[in-house]
Amino acid sequence: MEKQTNAFFAYGSQTPSCGEFIEAAIKEINSSGHPVSITSWKSLSIGGNFLISTILKEIESSDLFCCDITNLNENVLFELGFAIARNKPVWLIQDITISESPVLDRKSVV
């Protein structure tokens, strides 16, 4: 039996459509039968705790950190730095169709 991989997916809320697509993808992946389980910040129950504390615990216990860097959200960048400091494998995504997304030079994207 394959080992289950647990992942945490961080994304900002500035572009609601990005979050909607990410949540739909997480739902599809989690129900696919593959040995992976992805959690996002939206699915965490904070119950009076600071959200960042809960998120950092989730990153700490995850095997993989995924994040959307479309809008360079400060919280997401902090969480990315935390994951890197904890030596977590990192998977980044970016929606280059959003013109305000500053990371990639669209001229170099095929």
PDB file of N, CA and C in Angstrom:
ATOM      1  N   MET A   1       0.840  -1.189   0.000  1.00  0.00           N
ATOM      2  CA  MET A   1       0.000   0.000   0.000  1.00  0.00           C
ATOM      3  C   MET A   1       0.882   1.249   0.000  1.00  0.00           C
ATOM      4  N   GLU A   2       0.534   2.213  -0.828  1.00  0.00           N
ATOM      5  CA  GLU A   2       1.307   3.444  -0.927  1.00  0.00           C
ATOM      6  C   GLU A   2       1.107   4.337   0.289  1.00  0.00           C
ATOM      7  N   LYS A   3       2.172   5.005   0.659  1.00  0.00           N
ATOM      8  CA  LYS A   3       2.103   5.973   1.768  1.00  0.00           C
ATOM      9  C   LYS A   3       1.294   7.189   1.320  1.00  0.00           C
ATOM     10  N   GLN A   4       0.432   7.656   2.194  1.00  0.00           N
ATOM     11  CA  GLN A   4      -0.356   8.864   1.925  1.00  0.00           C
ATOM     12  C   GLN A   4       0.546  10.089   2.023  1.00  0.00           C
ATOM     13  N   THR A   5       0.497  10.967   1.048  1.00  0.00           N
ATOM     14  CA  THR A   5       1.208  12.235   1.079  1.00  0.00           C
ATOM     15  C   THR A   5       0.228  13.315   1.505  1.00  0.00           C
ATOM     16  N   ASN A   6       0.603  14.056   2.528  1.00  0.00           N
ATOM     17  CA  ASN A   6      -0.226  15.162   3.001  1.00  0.00           C
ATOM     18  C   ASN A   6       0.384  16.468   2.530  1.00  0.00           C
ATOM     19  N   ALA A   7      -0.448  17.310   1.956  1.00  0.00           N
ATOM     20  CA  ALA A   7       0.014  18.595   1.436  1.00  0.00           C
ATOM     21  C   ALA A   7      -0.837  19.719   2.002  1.00  0.00           C
ATOM     22  N   PHE A   8      -0.220  20.883   2.117  1.00  0.00           N
ATOM     23  CA  PHE A   8      -0.941  22.090   2.500  1.00  0.00           C
ATOM     24  C   PHE A   8      -0.868  23.059   1.336  1.00  0.00           C
ATOM     25  N   PHE A   9      -2.006  23.670   0.988  1.00  0.00           N
ATOM     26  CA  PHE A   9      -2.056  24.602  -0.138  1.00  0.00           C
ATOM     27  C   PHE A   9      -2.419  25.988   0.367  1.00  0.00           C
ATOM     28  N   ALA A  10      -1.518  26.943   0.173  1.00  0.00           N
ATOM     29  CA  ALA A  10      -1.737  28.330   0.592  1.00  0.00           C
ATOM     30  C   ALA A  10      -2.026  29.185  -0.639  1.00  0.00           C
ATOM     31  N   TYR A  11      -2.978  30.098  -0.474  1.00  0.00           N
ATOM     32  CA  TYR A  11      -3.274  31.056  -1.544  1.00  0.00           C
ATOM     33  C   TYR A  11      -3.952  32.264  -0.930  1.00  0.00           C
ATOM     34  N   GLY A  12      -3.805  33.381  -1.587  1.00  0.00           N
ATOM     35  CA  GLY A  12      -4.425  34.618  -1.120  1.00  0.00           C
ATOM     36  C   GLY A  12      -5.862  34.718  -1.567  1.00  0.00           C
ATOM     37  N   SER A  13      -6.566  35.658  -0.980  1.00  0.00           N
ATOM     38  CA  SER A  13      -7.978  35.818  -1.324  1.00  0.00           C
ATOM     39  C   SER A  13      -8.236  37.045  -2.206  1.00  0.00           C
ATOM     40  N   GLN A  14      -7.166  37.706  -2.686  1.00  0.00           N
ATOM     41  CA  GLN A  14      -7.348  38.910  -3.500  1.00  0.00           C
ATOM     42  C   GLN A  14      -8.066  38.619  -4.813  1.00  0.00           C
ATOM     43  N   THR A  15      -7.810  37.446  -5.377  1.00  0.00           N
ATOM     44  CA  THR A  15      -8.451  37.070  -6.636  1.00  0.00           C
ATOM     45  C   THR A  15      -9.345  35.876  -6.354  1.00  0.00           C
ATOM     46  N   PRO A  16     -10.626  36.125  -6.070  1.00  0.00           N
ATOM     47  CA  PRO A  16     -11.523  35.031  -5.681  1.00  0.00           C
ATOM     48  C   PRO A  16     -11.561  33.872  -6.672  1.00  0.00           C
ATOM     49  N   SER A  17     -11.444  34.160  -7.967  1.00  0.00           N
ATOM     50  CA  SER A  17     -11.507  33.077  -8.949  1.00  0.00           C
ATOM     51  C   SER A  17     -10.354  32.098  -8.772  1.00  0.00           C
ATOM     52  N   CYS A  18      -9.175  32.581  -8.395  1.00  0.00           N
ATOM     53  CA  CYS A  18      -8.040  31.680  -8.152  1.00  0.00           C
ATOM     54  C   CYS A  18      -8.372  30.719  -7.017  1.00  0.00           C
ATOM     55  N   GLY A  19      -8.902  31.256  -5.930  1.00  0.00           N
ATOM     56  CA  GLY A  19      -9.271  30.427  -4.791  1.00  0.00           C
ATOM     57  C   GLY A  19     -10.333  29.398  -5.145  1.00  0.00           C
ATOM     58  N   GLU A  20     -11.301  29.814  -5.946  1.00  0.00           N
ATOM     59  CA  GLU A  20     -12.357  28.884  -6.362  1.00  0.00           C
ATOM     60  C   GLU A  20     -11.778  27.734  -7.177  1.00  0.00           C
ATOM     61  N   PHE A  21     -10.882  28.046  -8.112  1.00  0.00           N
ATOM     62  CA  PHE A  21     -10.266  27.004  -8.928  1.00  0.00           C
ATOM     63  C   PHE A  21      -9.390  26.084  -8.077  1.00  0.00           C
ATOM     64  N   ILE A  22      -8.644  26.657  -7.154  1.00  0.00           N
ATOM     65  CA  ILE A  22      -7.772  25.854  -6.293  1.00  0.00           C
ATOM     66  C   ILE A  22      -8.610  24.928  -5.415  1.00  0.00           C
ATOM     67  N   GLU A  23      -9.664  25.463  -4.796  1.00  0.00           N
ATOM     68  CA  GLU A  23     -10.523  24.627  -3.945  1.00  0.00           C
ATOM     69  C   GLU A  23     -11.177  23.509  -4.759  1.00  0.00           C
ATOM     70  N   ALA A  24     -11.593  23.793  -5.988  1.00  0.00           N
ATOM     71  CA  ALA A  24     -12.182  22.756  -6.840  1.00  0.00           C
ATOM     72  C   ALA A  24     -11.146  21.679  -7.180  1.00  0.00           C
ATOM     73  N   ALA A  25      -9.923  22.102  -7.461  1.00  0.00           N
ATOM     74  CA  ALA A  25      -8.862  21.146  -7.768  1.00  0.00           C
ATOM     75  C   ALA A  25      -8.529  20.283  -6.549  1.00  0.00           C
ATOM     76  N   ILE A  26      -8.473  20.909  -5.366  1.00  0.00           N
ATOM     77  CA  ILE A  26      -8.211  20.163  -4.137  1.00  0.00           C
ATOM     78  C   ILE A  26      -9.292  19.106  -3.931  1.00  0.00           C
ATOM     79  N   LYS A  27     -10.535  19.487  -4.112  1.00  0.00           N
ATOM     80  CA  LYS A  27     -11.647  18.552  -3.939  1.00  0.00           C
ATOM     81  C   LYS A  27     -11.527  17.384  -4.912  1.00  0.00           C
ATOM     82  N   GLU A  28     -11.210  17.698  -6.163  1.00  0.00           N
ATOM     83  CA  GLU A  28     -11.073  16.651  -7.185  1.00  0.00           C
ATOM     84  C   GLU A  28      -9.905  15.719  -6.861  1.00  0.00           C
ATOM     85  N   ILE A  29      -8.770  16.282  -6.492  1.00  0.00           N
ATOM     86  CA  ILE A  29      -7.593  15.461  -6.155  1.00  0.00           C
ATOM     87  C   ILE A  29      -7.881  14.584  -4.949  1.00  0.00           C
ATOM     88  N   ASN A  30      -8.465  15.166  -3.905  1.00  0.00           N
ATOM     89  CA  ASN A  30      -8.734  14.403  -2.689  1.00  0.00           C
ATOM     90  C   ASN A  30      -9.732  13.267  -2.910  1.00  0.00           C
ATOM     91  N   SER A  31     -10.607  13.404  -3.883  1.00  0.00           N
ATOM     92  CA  SER A  31     -11.590  12.345  -4.148  1.00  0.00           C
ATOM     93  C   SER A  31     -11.156  11.405  -5.270  1.00  0.00           C
ATOM     94  N   SER A  32      -9.940  11.586  -5.785  1.00  0.00           N
ATOM     95  CA  SER A  32      -9.482  10.818  -6.940  1.00  0.00           C
ATOM     96  C   SER A  32      -9.017   9.405  -6.619  1.00  0.00           C
ATOM     97  N   GLY A  33      -8.786   9.120  -5.355  1.00  0.00           N
ATOM     98  CA  GLY A  33      -8.271   7.797  -4.994  1.00  0.00           C
ATOM     99  C   GLY A  33      -6.756   7.724  -4.977  1.00  0.00           C
ATOM    100  N   HIS A  34      -6.098   8.794  -5.373  1.00  0.00           N
ATOM    101  CA  HIS A  34      -4.639   8.832  -5.313  1.00  0.00           C
ATOM    102  C   HIS A  34      -4.203   8.986  -3.855  1.00  0.00           C
ATOM    103  N   PRO A  35      -3.005   8.512  -3.527  1.00  0.00           N
ATOM    104  CA  PRO A  35      -2.550   8.576  -2.125  1.00  0.00           C
ATOM    105  C   PRO A  35      -2.045   9.963  -1.720  1.00  0.00           C
ATOM    106  N   VAL A  36      -2.905  10.961  -1.903  1.00  0.00           N
ATOM    107  CA  VAL A  36      -2.547  12.330  -1.522  1.00  0.00           C
ATOM    108  C   VAL A  36      -3.768  12.981  -0.892  1.00  0.00           C
ATOM    109  N   SER A  37      -3.513  13.780   0.123  1.00  0.00           N
ATOM    110  CA  SER A  37      -4.576  14.536   0.776  1.00  0.00           C
ATOM    111  C   SER A  37      -4.099  15.975   0.888  1.00  0.00           C
ATOM    112  N   ILE A  38      -4.868  16.890   0.318  1.00  0.00           N
ATOM    113  CA  ILE A  38      -4.490  18.301   0.319  1.00  0.00           C
ATOM    114  C   ILE A  38      -5.461  19.076   1.206  1.00  0.00           C
ATOM    115  N   THR A  39      -4.893  19.944   2.030  1.00  0.00           N
ATOM    116  CA  THR A  39      -5.660  20.815   2.903  1.00  0.00           C
ATOM    117  C   THR A  39      -5.332  22.254   2.538  1.00  0.00           C
ATOM    118  N   SER A  40      -6.325  23.123   2.558  1.00  0.00           N
ATOM    119  CA  SER A  40      -6.063  24.547   2.352  1.00  0.00           C
ATOM    120  C   SER A  40      -6.434  25.295   3.624  1.00  0.00           C
ATOM    121  N   TRP A  41      -6.059  26.551   3.679  1.00  0.00           N
ATOM    122  CA  TRP A  41      -6.371  27.361   4.853  1.00  0.00           C
ATOM    123  C   TRP A  41      -7.870  27.506   5.054  1.00  0.00           C
ATOM    124  N   LYS A  42      -8.634  27.422   3.964  1.00  0.00           N
ATOM    125  CA  LYS A  42     -10.086  27.576   4.077  1.00  0.00           C
ATOM    126  C   LYS A  42     -10.736  26.429   4.836  1.00  0.00           C
ATOM    127  N   SER A  43     -10.110  25.262   4.790  1.00  0.00           N
ATOM    128  CA  SER A  43     -10.721  24.095   5.427  1.00  0.00           C
ATOM    129  C   SER A  43     -10.304  23.925   6.888  1.00  0.00           C
ATOM    130  N   LEU A  44      -9.429  24.782   7.377  1.00  0.00           N
ATOM    131  CA  LEU A  44      -8.982  24.669   8.765  1.00  0.00           C
ATOM    132  C   LEU A  44     -10.012  25.283   9.697  1.00  0.00           C
ATOM    133  N   SER A  45     -10.305  24.566  10.775  1.00  0.00           N
ATOM    134  CA  SER A  45     -11.199  25.151  11.778  1.00  0.00           C
ATOM    135  C   SER A  45     -10.327  25.808  12.833  1.00  0.00           C
ATOM    136  N   ILE A  46     -10.494  27.098  12.998  1.00  0.00           N
ATOM    137  CA  ILE A  46      -9.592  27.824  13.883  1.00  0.00           C
ATOM    138  C   ILE A  46     -10.089  27.893  15.314  1.00  0.00           C
ATOM    139  N   GLY A  47     -11.364  27.795  15.542  1.00  0.00           N
ATOM    140  CA  GLY A  47     -11.938  27.738  16.876  1.00  0.00           C
ATOM    141  C   GLY A  47     -11.330  28.676  17.904  1.00  0.00           C
ATOM    142  N   GLY A  48     -11.218  29.946  17.592  1.00  0.00           N
ATOM    143  CA  GLY A  48     -10.696  30.916  18.543  1.00  0.00           C
ATOM    144  C   GLY A  48      -9.188  31.087  18.505  1.00  0.00           C
ATOM    145  N   ASN A  49      -8.481  30.230  17.770  1.00  0.00           N
ATOM    146  CA  ASN A  49      -7.025  30.361  17.631  1.00  0.00           C
ATOM    147  C   ASN A  49      -6.711  31.368  16.536  1.00  0.00           C
ATOM    148  N   PHE A  50      -5.504  31.902  16.587  1.00  0.00           N
ATOM    149  CA  PHE A  50      -5.061  32.730  15.474  1.00  0.00           C
ATOM    150  C   PHE A  50      -4.872  31.814  14.270  1.00  0.00           C
ATOM    151  N   LEU A  51      -5.324  32.245  13.124  1.00  0.00           N
ATOM    152  CA  LEU A  51      -5.241  31.431  11.922  1.00  0.00           C
ATOM    153  C   LEU A  51      -3.799  31.062  11.597  1.00  0.00           C
ATOM    154  N   ILE A  52      -2.862  31.985  11.773  1.00  0.00           N
ATOM    155  CA  ILE A  52      -1.471  31.712  11.410  1.00  0.00           C
ATOM    156  C   ILE A  52      -0.899  30.557  12.230  1.00  0.00           C
ATOM    157  N   SER A  53      -1.257  30.465  13.510  1.00  0.00           N
ATOM    158  CA  SER A  53      -0.773  29.359  14.350  1.00  0.00           C
ATOM    159  C   SER A  53      -1.238  28.020  13.795  1.00  0.00           C
ATOM    160  N   THR A  54      -2.491  27.967  13.413  1.00  0.00           N
ATOM    161  CA  THR A  54      -3.058  26.740  12.862  1.00  0.00           C
ATOM    162  C   THR A  54      -2.408  26.404  11.526  1.00  0.00           C
ATOM    163  N   ILE A  55      -2.208  27.410  10.699  1.00  0.00           N
ATOM    164  CA  ILE A  55      -1.578  27.191   9.395  1.00  0.00           C
ATOM    165  C   ILE A  55      -0.145  26.684   9.561  1.00  0.00           C
ATOM    166  N   LEU A  56       0.620  27.289  10.445  1.00  0.00           N
ATOM    167  CA  LEU A  56       2.014  26.859  10.638  1.00  0.00           C
ATOM    168  C   LEU A  56       2.081  25.425  11.165  1.00  0.00           C
ATOM    169  N   LYS A  57       1.171  25.045  12.036  1.00  0.00           N
ATOM    170  CA  LYS A  57       1.123  23.650  12.514  1.00  0.00           C
ATOM    171  C   LYS A  57       0.805  22.706  11.370  1.00  0.00           C
ATOM    172  N   GLU A  58      -0.105  23.131  10.507  1.00  0.00           N
ATOM    173  CA  GLU A  58      -0.484  22.307   9.356  1.00  0.00           C
ATOM    174  C   GLU A  58       0.696  22.156   8.388  1.00  0.00           C
ATOM    175  N   ILE A  59       1.416  23.235   8.134  1.00  0.00           N
ATOM    176  CA  ILE A  59       2.599  23.173   7.260  1.00  0.00           C
ATOM    177  C   ILE A  59       3.634  22.244   7.871  1.00  0.00           C
ATOM    178  N   GLU A  60       3.850  22.386   9.164  1.00  0.00           N
ATOM    179  CA  GLU A  60       4.830  21.564   9.884  1.00  0.00           C
ATOM    180  C   GLU A  60       4.523  20.077   9.743  1.00  0.00           C
ATOM    181  N   SER A  61       3.252  19.712   9.788  1.00  0.00           N
ATOM    182  CA  SER A  61       2.888  18.296   9.737  1.00  0.00           C
ATOM    183  C   SER A  61       2.697  17.775   8.308  1.00  0.00           C
ATOM    184  N   SER A  62       2.786  18.650   7.323  1.00  0.00           N
ATOM    185  CA  SER A  62       2.597  18.243   5.924  1.00  0.00           C
ATOM    186  C   SER A  62       3.893  17.725   5.311  1.00  0.00           C
ATOM    187  N   ASP A  63       3.725  16.896   4.286  1.00  0.00           N
ATOM    188  CA  ASP A  63       4.865  16.373   3.532  1.00  0.00           C
ATOM    189  C   ASP A  63       5.272  17.317   2.406  1.00  0.00           C
ATOM    190  N   LEU A  64       4.336  18.171   1.973  1.00  0.00           N
ATOM    191  CA  LEU A  64       4.529  19.018   0.801  1.00  0.00           C
ATOM    192  C   LEU A  64       3.807  20.345   1.025  1.00  0.00           C
ATOM    193  N   PHE A  65       4.422  21.434   0.566  1.00  0.00           N
ATOM    194  CA  PHE A  65       3.797  22.750   0.649  1.00  0.00           C
ATOM    195  C   PHE A  65       3.541  23.249  -0.765  1.00  0.00           C
ATOM    196  N   CYS A  66       2.302  23.628  -1.039  1.00  0.00           N
ATOM    197  CA  CYS A  66       1.913  24.170  -2.339  1.00  0.00           C
ATOM    198  C   CYS A  66       1.390  25.581  -2.112  1.00  0.00           C
ATOM    199  N   CYS A  67       1.651  26.466  -3.066  1.00  0.00           N
ATOM    200  CA  CYS A  67       1.072  27.802  -2.925  1.00  0.00           C
ATOM    201  C   CYS A  67       0.913  28.486  -4.276  1.00  0.00           C
ATOM    202  N   ASP A  68      -0.018  29.422  -4.286  1.00  0.00           N
ATOM    203  CA  ASP A  68      -0.286  30.249  -5.457  1.00  0.00           C
ATOM    204  C   ASP A  68       0.401  31.594  -5.244  1.00  0.00           C
ATOM    205  N   ILE A  69       1.290  31.957  -6.152  1.00  0.00           N
ATOM    206  CA  ILE A  69       2.029  33.213  -6.033  1.00  0.00           C
ATOM    207  C   ILE A  69       1.547  34.253  -7.045  1.00  0.00           C
ATOM    208  N   THR A  70       0.325  34.091  -7.518  1.00  0.00           N
ATOM    209  CA  THR A  70      -0.219  35.014  -8.511  1.00  0.00           C
ATOM    210  C   THR A  70      -0.178  36.452  -8.035  1.00  0.00           C
ATOM    211  N   ASN A  71      -0.584  36.700  -6.796  1.00  0.00           N
ATOM    212  CA  ASN A  71      -0.665  38.073  -6.295  1.00  0.00           C
ATOM    213  C   ASN A  71       0.404  38.431  -5.272  1.00  0.00           C
ATOM    214  N   LEU A  72       1.350  37.555  -5.029  1.00  0.00           N
ATOM    215  CA  LEU A  72       2.403  37.789  -4.036  1.00  0.00           C
ATOM    216  C   LEU A  72       1.825  38.241  -2.695  1.00  0.00           C
ATOM    217  N   ASN A  73       0.844  37.499  -2.223  1.00  0.00           N
ATOM    218  CA  ASN A  73       0.214  37.767  -0.940  1.00  0.00           C
ATOM    219  C   ASN A  73       1.249  37.650   0.179  1.00  0.00           C
ATOM    220  N   GLU A  74       1.290  38.635   1.065  1.00  0.00           N
ATOM    221  CA  GLU A  74       2.296  38.655   2.142  1.00  0.00           C
ATOM    222  C   GLU A  74       2.191  37.444   3.056  1.00  0.00           C
ATOM    223  N   ASN A  75       0.977  37.013   3.383  1.00  0.00           N
ATOM    224  CA  ASN A  75       0.810  35.840   4.242  1.00  0.00           C
ATOM    225  C   ASN A  75       1.316  34.581   3.553  1.00  0.00           C
ATOM    226  N   VAL A  76       0.987  34.439   2.283  1.00  0.00           N
ATOM    227  CA  VAL A  76       1.425  33.274   1.527  1.00  0.00           C
ATOM    228  C   VAL A  76       2.955  33.261   1.421  1.00  0.00           C
ATOM    229  N   LEU A  77       3.559  34.423   1.192  1.00  0.00           N
ATOM    230  CA  LEU A  77       5.021  34.487   1.110  1.00  0.00           C
ATOM    231  C   LEU A  77       5.663  34.130   2.451  1.00  0.00           C
ATOM    232  N   PHE A  78       5.069  34.558   3.556  1.00  0.00           N
ATOM    233  CA  PHE A  78       5.565  34.178   4.884  1.00  0.00           C
ATOM    234  C   PHE A  78       5.469  32.658   5.065  1.00  0.00           C
ATOM    235  N   GLU A  79       4.326  32.083   4.687  1.00  0.00           N
ATOM    236  CA  GLU A  79       4.124  30.643   4.809  1.00  0.00           C
ATOM    237  C   GLU A  79       5.093  29.877   3.910  1.00  0.00           C
ATOM    238  N   LEU A  80       5.368  30.410   2.723  1.00  0.00           N
ATOM    239  CA  LEU A  80       6.352  29.803   1.822  1.00  0.00           C
ATOM    240  C   LEU A  80       7.729  29.803   2.477  1.00  0.00           C
ATOM    241  N   GLY A  81       8.121  30.934   3.059  1.00  0.00           N
ATOM    242  CA  GLY A  81       9.404  31.006   3.752  1.00  0.00           C
ATOM    243  C   GLY A  81       9.475  30.026   4.913  1.00  0.00           C
ATOM    244  N   PHE A  82       8.380  29.884   5.648  1.00  0.00           N
ATOM    245  CA  PHE A  82       8.328  28.935   6.760  1.00  0.00           C
ATOM    246  C   PHE A  82       8.521  27.510   6.241  1.00  0.00           C
ATOM    247  N   ALA A  83       7.833  27.165   5.156  1.00  0.00           N
ATOM    248  CA  ALA A  83       7.955  25.825   4.578  1.00  0.00           C
ATOM    249  C   ALA A  83       9.380  25.559   4.106  1.00  0.00           C
ATOM    250  N   ILE A  84       9.997  26.549   3.484  1.00  0.00           N
ATOM    251  CA  ILE A  84      11.384  26.398   3.031  1.00  0.00           C
ATOM    252  C   ILE A  84      12.307  26.203   4.228  1.00  0.00           C
ATOM    253  N   ALA A  85      12.092  26.982   5.283  1.00  0.00           N
ATOM    254  CA  ALA A  85      12.910  26.860   6.492  1.00  0.00           C
ATOM    255  C   ALA A  85      12.748  25.490   7.140  1.00  0.00           C
ATOM    256  N   ARG A  86      11.609  24.855   6.947  1.00  0.00           N
ATOM    257  CA  ARG A  86      11.354  23.517   7.501  1.00  0.00           C
ATOM    258  C   ARG A  86      11.729  22.414   6.508  1.00  0.00           C
ATOM    259  N   ASN A  87      12.387  22.801   5.417  1.00  0.00           N
ATOM    260  CA  ASN A  87      12.853  21.853   4.388  1.00  0.00           C
ATOM    261  C   ASN A  87      11.726  21.042   3.752  1.00  0.00           C
ATOM    262  N   LYS A  88      10.590  21.681   3.573  1.00  0.00           N
ATOM    263  CA  LYS A  88       9.469  21.015   2.911  1.00  0.00           C
ATOM    264  C   LYS A  88       9.641  21.131   1.404  1.00  0.00           C
ATOM    265  N   PRO A  89       9.316  20.084   0.658  1.00  0.00           N
ATOM    266  CA  PRO A  89       9.260  20.245  -0.792  1.00  0.00           C
ATOM    267  C   PRO A  89       8.192  21.293  -1.107  1.00  0.00           C
ATOM    268  N   VAL A  90       8.449  22.117  -2.112  1.00  0.00           N
ATOM    269  CA  VAL A  90       7.559  23.237  -2.435  1.00  0.00           C
ATOM    270  C   VAL A  90       7.099  23.126  -3.880  1.00  0.00           C
ATOM    271  N   TRP A  91       5.824  23.386  -4.094  1.00  0.00           N
ATOM    272  CA  TRP A  91       5.250  23.420  -5.432  1.00  0.00           C
ATOM    273  C   TRP A  91       4.521  24.743  -5.573  1.00  0.00           C
ATOM    274  N   LEU A  92       4.954  25.574  -6.529  1.00  0.00           N
ATOM    275  CA  LEU A  92       4.373  26.902  -6.749  1.00  0.00           C
ATOM    276  C   LEU A  92       3.521  26.897  -8.008  1.00  0.00           C
ATOM    277  N   ILE A  93       2.415  27.627  -7.951  1.00  0.00           N
ATOM    278  CA  ILE A  93       1.622  27.858  -9.153  1.00  0.00           C
ATOM    279  C   ILE A  93       1.422  29.357  -9.309  1.00  0.00           C
ATOM    280  N   GLN A  94       1.140  29.764 -10.534  1.00  0.00           N
ATOM    281  CA  GLN A  94       0.859  31.168 -10.817  1.00  0.00           C
ATOM    282  C   GLN A  94      -0.076  31.247 -12.010  1.00  0.00           C
ATOM    283  N   ASP A  95      -1.097  32.080 -11.898  1.00  0.00           N
ATOM    284  CA  ASP A  95      -2.010  32.315 -13.013  1.00  0.00           C
ATOM    285  C   ASP A  95      -1.464  33.494 -13.814  1.00  0.00           C
ATOM    286  N   ILE A  96      -0.791  33.199 -14.911  1.00  0.00           N
ATOM    287  CA  ILE A  96      -0.154  34.257 -15.701  1.00  0.00           C
ATOM    288  C   ILE A  96      -1.150  35.006 -16.577  1.00  0.00           C
ATOM    289  N   THR A  97      -2.413  34.573 -16.565  1.00  0.00           N
ATOM    290  CA  THR A  97      -3.423  35.307 -17.337  1.00  0.00           C
ATOM    291  C   THR A  97      -3.907  36.537 -16.591  1.00  0.00           C
ATOM    292  N   ILE A  98      -3.562  36.653 -15.318  1.00  0.00           N
ATOM    293  CA  ILE A  98      -3.948  37.823 -14.531  1.00  0.00           C
ATOM    294  C   ILE A  98      -2.864  38.871 -14.713  1.00  0.00           C
ATOM    295  N   SER A  99      -3.231  39.989 -15.317  1.00  0.00           N
ATOM    296  CA  SER A  99      -2.246  40.992 -15.721  1.00  0.00           C
ATOM    297  C   SER A  99      -1.489  41.611 -14.558  1.00  0.00           C
ATOM    298  N   GLU A 100      -2.072  41.644 -13.368  1.00  0.00           N
ATOM    299  CA  GLU A 100      -1.388  42.236 -12.209  1.00  0.00           C
ATOM    300  C   GLU A 100      -0.361  41.297 -11.595  1.00  0.00           C
ATOM    301  N   SER A 101      -0.296  40.065 -12.049  1.00  0.00           N
ATOM    302  CA  SER A 101       0.616  39.073 -11.490  1.00  0.00           C
ATOM    303  C   SER A 101       2.050  39.403 -11.911  1.00  0.00           C
ATOM    304  N   PRO A 102       2.902  39.825 -10.976  1.00  0.00           N
ATOM    305  CA  PRO A 102       4.204  40.387 -11.322  1.00  0.00           C
ATOM    306  C   PRO A 102       5.372  39.419 -11.465  1.00  0.00           C
ATOM    307  N   VAL A 103       5.198  38.159 -11.175  1.00  0.00           N
ATOM    308  CA  VAL A 103       6.360  37.288 -11.035  1.00  0.00           C
ATOM    309  C   VAL A 103       7.012  36.922 -12.355  1.00  0.00           C
ATOM    310  N   LEU A 104       6.240  36.431 -13.304  1.00  0.00           N
ATOM    311  CA  LEU A 104       6.823  35.990 -14.569  1.00  0.00           C
ATOM    312  C   LEU A 104       6.766  37.068 -15.639  1.00  0.00           C
ATOM    313  N   ASP A 105       7.741  37.069 -16.486  1.00  0.00           N
ATOM    314  CA  ASP A 105       7.743  37.933 -17.665  1.00  0.00           C
ATOM    315  C   ASP A 105       6.915  37.209 -18.726  1.00  0.00           C
ATOM    316  N   ARG A 106       5.737  37.749 -19.037  1.00  0.00           N
ATOM    317  CA  ARG A 106       4.833  37.089 -19.954  1.00  0.00           C
ATOM    318  C   ARG A 106       5.438  36.917 -21.354  1.00  0.00           C
ATOM    319  N   LYS A 107       6.434  37.704 -21.696  1.00  0.00           N
ATOM    320  CA  LYS A 107       7.062  37.564 -23.013  1.00  0.00           C
ATOM    321  C   LYS A 107       7.820  36.254 -23.135  1.00  0.00           C
ATOM    322  N   SER A 108       8.267  35.711 -21.982  1.00  0.00           N
ATOM    323  CA  SER A 108       9.052  34.484 -22.016  1.00  0.00           C
ATOM    324  C   SER A 108       8.190  33.242 -21.863  1.00  0.00           C
ATOM    325  N   VAL A 109       6.887  33.411 -21.652  1.00  0.00           N
ATOM    326  CA  VAL A 109       6.000  32.268 -21.478  1.00  0.00           C
ATOM    327  C   VAL A 109       5.426  31.863 -22.809  1.00  0.00           C
ATOM    328  N   VAL A 110       5.514  30.597 -23.119  1.00  0.00           N
ATOM    329  CA  VAL A 110       5.009  30.081 -24.388  1.00  0.00           C
ATOM    330  C   VAL A 110       3.576  29.680 -24.227  1.00  0.00           C
TER     331      VAL A 110
END
